[in-house]
């Protein structure tokens, strides 16, 4: 992921050779500085690898949770559809019972 954006590896930094001029930098200072750069670069590489692994795990968890959410929503929708049908059946049944009671009480046939 990030490797295509990086130009150097820690090993390339370690193996870098500089030309020495009469008035150039002190090789020991350059080596000491490059050692720090290598250490940081190695740590950045490790952090990136850990974050990539964590990102994949979180994406997998997210997909599992989305699937579970869809499954639960389907169960809820099915249950609500069943309740709506049952409720309307109960209302019709109640209306028929009330109608029968009215006929029995008032004695009218309509």
C-alpha atoms as a PDB file:
ATOM      1  CA  UNK A   1       0.000   0.000   0.000  1.00  0.00           C
ATOM      2  CA  UNK A   2       2.578   2.547   1.100  1.00  0.00           C
ATOM      3  CA  UNK A   3       5.564   0.679  -0.306  1.00  0.00           C
ATOM      4  CA  UNK A   4       4.975   2.110  -3.781  1.00  0.00           C
ATOM      5  CA  UNK A   5       5.403   5.623  -2.344  1.00  0.00           C
ATOM      6  CA  UNK A   6       8.668   4.918  -0.501  1.00  0.00           C
ATOM      7  CA  UNK A   7      11.925   5.445  -2.324  1.00  0.00           C
ATOM      8  CA  UNK A   8      14.338   3.777   0.087  1.00  0.00           C
ATOM      9  CA  UNK A   9      14.425   0.746   2.305  1.00  0.00           C
ATOM     10  CA  UNK A  10      16.348   0.684   5.580  1.00  0.00           C
ATOM     11  CA  UNK A  11      18.867  -1.655   3.944  1.00  0.00           C
ATOM     12  CA  UNK A  12      19.451   0.761   1.044  1.00  0.00           C
ATOM     13  CA  UNK A  13      20.104   3.571   3.496  1.00  0.00           C
ATOM     14  CA  UNK A  14      22.507   1.358   5.433  1.00  0.00           C
ATOM     15  CA  UNK A  15      24.438   0.367   2.302  1.00  0.00           C
ATOM     16  CA  UNK A  16      24.672   3.892   0.838  1.00  0.00           C
ATOM     17  CA  UNK A  17      28.249   4.931   0.094  1.00  0.00           C
ATOM     18  CA  UNK A  18      29.199   8.602  -0.168  1.00  0.00           C
ATOM     19  CA  UNK A  19      32.136  10.002  -2.100  1.00  0.00           C
ATOM     20  CA  UNK A  20      34.652  11.689   0.127  1.00  0.00           C
ATOM     21  CA  UNK A  21      36.042  15.081  -0.869  1.00  0.00           C
ATOM     22  CA  UNK A  22      38.819  16.946   0.854  1.00  0.00           C
ATOM     23  CA  UNK A  23      36.321  19.477   2.179  1.00  0.00           C
ATOM     24  CA  UNK A  24      33.345  17.066   2.524  1.00  0.00           C
ATOM     25  CA  UNK A  25      31.277  15.923   5.446  1.00  0.00           C
ATOM     26  CA  UNK A  26      32.757  13.863   8.233  1.00  0.00           C
ATOM     27  CA  UNK A  27      31.964  10.211   7.483  1.00  0.00           C
ATOM     28  CA  UNK A  28      31.332   9.365  11.153  1.00  0.00           C
ATOM     29  CA  UNK A  29      28.737  12.123  11.471  1.00  0.00           C
ATOM     30  CA  UNK A  30      27.025  11.022   8.259  1.00  0.00           C
ATOM     31  CA  UNK A  31      27.036   7.392   9.453  1.00  0.00           C
ATOM     32  CA  UNK A  32      25.635   8.361  12.863  1.00  0.00           C
ATOM     33  CA  UNK A  33      22.889  10.422  11.255  1.00  0.00           C
ATOM     34  CA  UNK A  34      22.060   7.688   8.756  1.00  0.00           C
ATOM     35  CA  UNK A  35      21.829   5.211  11.635  1.00  0.00           C
ATOM     36  CA  UNK A  36      19.121   7.418  13.165  1.00  0.00           C
ATOM     37  CA  UNK A  37      17.351   7.666   9.807  1.00  0.00           C
ATOM     38  CA  UNK A  38      17.504   3.882   9.398  1.00  0.00           C
ATOM     39  CA  UNK A  39      16.069   3.350  12.889  1.00  0.00           C
ATOM     40  CA  UNK A  40      13.203   5.769  12.226  1.00  0.00           C
ATOM     41  CA  UNK A  41      12.604   4.382   8.758  1.00  0.00           C
ATOM     42  CA  UNK A  42      12.467   0.835  10.141  1.00  0.00           C
ATOM     43  CA  UNK A  43      10.010   1.943  12.815  1.00  0.00           C
ATOM     44  CA  UNK A  44       7.821   3.691  10.235  1.00  0.00           C
ATOM     45  CA  UNK A  45       7.823   0.543   8.107  1.00  0.00           C
ATOM     46  CA  UNK A  46       6.793  -1.555  11.126  1.00  0.00           C
ATOM     47  CA  UNK A  47       4.049   0.913  12.048  1.00  0.00           C
ATOM     48  CA  UNK A  48       2.715   0.869   8.485  1.00  0.00           C
ATOM     49  CA  UNK A  49       2.647  -2.946   8.432  1.00  0.00           C
ATOM     50  CA  UNK A  50       0.820  -3.069  11.790  1.00  0.00           C
ATOM     51  CA  UNK A  51      -1.699  -0.466  10.638  1.00  0.00           C
ATOM     52  CA  UNK A  52      -2.311  -2.332   7.379  1.00  0.00           C
ATOM     53  CA  UNK A  53      -3.015  -5.532   9.342  1.00  0.00           C
ATOM     54  CA  UNK A  54      -5.279  -3.656  11.754  1.00  0.00           C
ATOM     55  CA  UNK A  55      -7.052  -1.997   8.828  1.00  0.00           C
ATOM     56  CA  UNK A  56      -7.730  -5.393   7.190  1.00  0.00           C
ATOM     57  CA  UNK A  57      -9.026  -6.798  10.499  1.00  0.00           C
ATOM     58  CA  UNK A  58     -11.304  -3.800  11.029  1.00  0.00           C
ATOM     59  CA  UNK A  59     -12.587  -4.022   7.459  1.00  0.00           C
ATOM     60  CA  UNK A  60     -13.369  -7.724   8.009  1.00  0.00           C
ATOM     61  CA  UNK A  61     -15.131  -6.930  11.299  1.00  0.00           C
ATOM     62  CA  UNK A  62     -17.050  -4.149   9.580  1.00  0.00           C
ATOM     63  CA  UNK A  63     -18.189  -6.506   6.812  1.00  0.00           C
ATOM     64  CA  UNK A  64     -19.261  -9.120   9.378  1.00  0.00           C
ATOM     65  CA  UNK A  65     -21.221  -6.512  11.326  1.00  0.00           C
ATOM     66  CA  UNK A  66     -22.891  -5.197   8.164  1.00  0.00           C
ATOM     67  CA  UNK A  67     -23.912  -8.743   7.235  1.00  0.00           C
ATOM     68  CA  UNK A  68     -25.246  -9.354  10.747  1.00  0.00           C
ATOM     69  CA  UNK A  69     -27.117  -6.032  10.665  1.00  0.00           C
ATOM     70  CA  UNK A  70     -28.761  -6.938   7.339  1.00  0.00           C
ATOM     71  CA  UNK A  71     -29.691 -10.374   8.697  1.00  0.00           C
ATOM     72  CA  UNK A  72     -31.230  -8.912  11.861  1.00  0.00           C
ATOM     73  CA  UNK A  73     -33.079  -6.252   9.865  1.00  0.00           C
ATOM     74  CA  UNK A  74     -34.548  -8.969   7.650  1.00  0.00           C
ATOM     75  CA  UNK A  75     -35.664 -10.892  10.749  1.00  0.00           C
ATOM     76  CA  UNK A  76     -37.249  -7.745  12.217  1.00  0.00           C
ATOM     77  CA  UNK A  77     -38.985  -6.928   8.927  1.00  0.00           C
ATOM     78  CA  UNK A  78     -40.306 -10.483   8.684  1.00  0.00           C
ATOM     79  CA  UNK A  79     -41.528 -10.354  12.271  1.00  0.00           C
ATOM     80  CA  UNK A  80     -43.223  -6.991  11.716  1.00  0.00           C
ATOM     81  CA  UNK A  81     -44.886  -8.242   8.524  1.00  0.00           C
ATOM     82  CA  UNK A  82     -46.134 -11.276  10.438  1.00  0.00           C
ATOM     83  CA  UNK A  83     -47.424  -9.084  13.262  1.00  0.00           C
ATOM     84  CA  UNK A  84     -49.195  -6.764  10.820  1.00  0.00           C
ATOM     85  CA  UNK A  85     -51.000  -9.711   9.243  1.00  0.00           C
ATOM     86  CA  UNK A  86     -51.819 -11.172  12.618  1.00  0.00           C
ATOM     87  CA  UNK A  87     -53.052  -7.801  13.884  1.00  0.00           C
ATOM     88  CA  UNK A  88     -55.351  -7.310  10.905  1.00  0.00           C
ATOM     89  CA  UNK A  89     -56.655 -10.847  11.378  1.00  0.00           C
ATOM     90  CA  UNK A  90     -57.333 -10.083  15.027  1.00  0.00           C
ATOM     91  CA  UNK A  91     -59.153  -6.849  14.114  1.00  0.00           C
ATOM     92  CA  UNK A  92     -61.352  -8.641  11.581  1.00  0.00           C
ATOM     93  CA  UNK A  93     -62.039 -11.387  14.080  1.00  0.00           C
ATOM     94  CA  UNK A  94     -62.953  -8.801  16.732  1.00  0.00           C
ATOM     95  CA  UNK A  95     -65.277  -6.964  14.339  1.00  0.00           C
ATOM     96  CA  UNK A  96     -67.069 -10.217  13.510  1.00  0.00           C
ATOM     97  CA  UNK A  97     -67.450 -11.021  17.195  1.00  0.00           C
ATOM     98  CA  UNK A  98     -68.805  -7.548  17.956  1.00  0.00           C
ATOM     99  CA  UNK A  99     -71.229  -7.858  15.051  1.00  0.00           C
ATOM    100  CA  UNK A 100     -72.432 -11.239  16.350  1.00  0.00           C
ATOM    101  CA  UNK A 101     -72.824  -9.822  19.877  1.00  0.00           C
ATOM    102  CA  UNK A 102     -74.826  -6.869  18.543  1.00  0.00           C
ATOM    103  CA  UNK A 103     -77.077  -9.241  16.657  1.00  0.00           C
ATOM    104  CA  UNK A 104     -77.565 -11.319  19.786  1.00  0.00           C
ATOM    105  CA  UNK A 105     -78.217  -8.305  22.022  1.00  0.00           C
ATOM    106  CA  UNK A 106     -80.374  -6.266  19.680  1.00  0.00           C
ATOM    107  CA  UNK A 107     -81.851  -9.161  17.839  1.00  0.00           C
ATOM    108  CA  UNK A 108     -81.425  -7.627  14.431  1.00  0.00           C
ATOM    109  CA  UNK A 109     -80.316  -9.476  11.341  1.00  0.00           C
ATOM    110  CA  UNK A 110     -78.574  -7.174   8.900  1.00  0.00           C
END
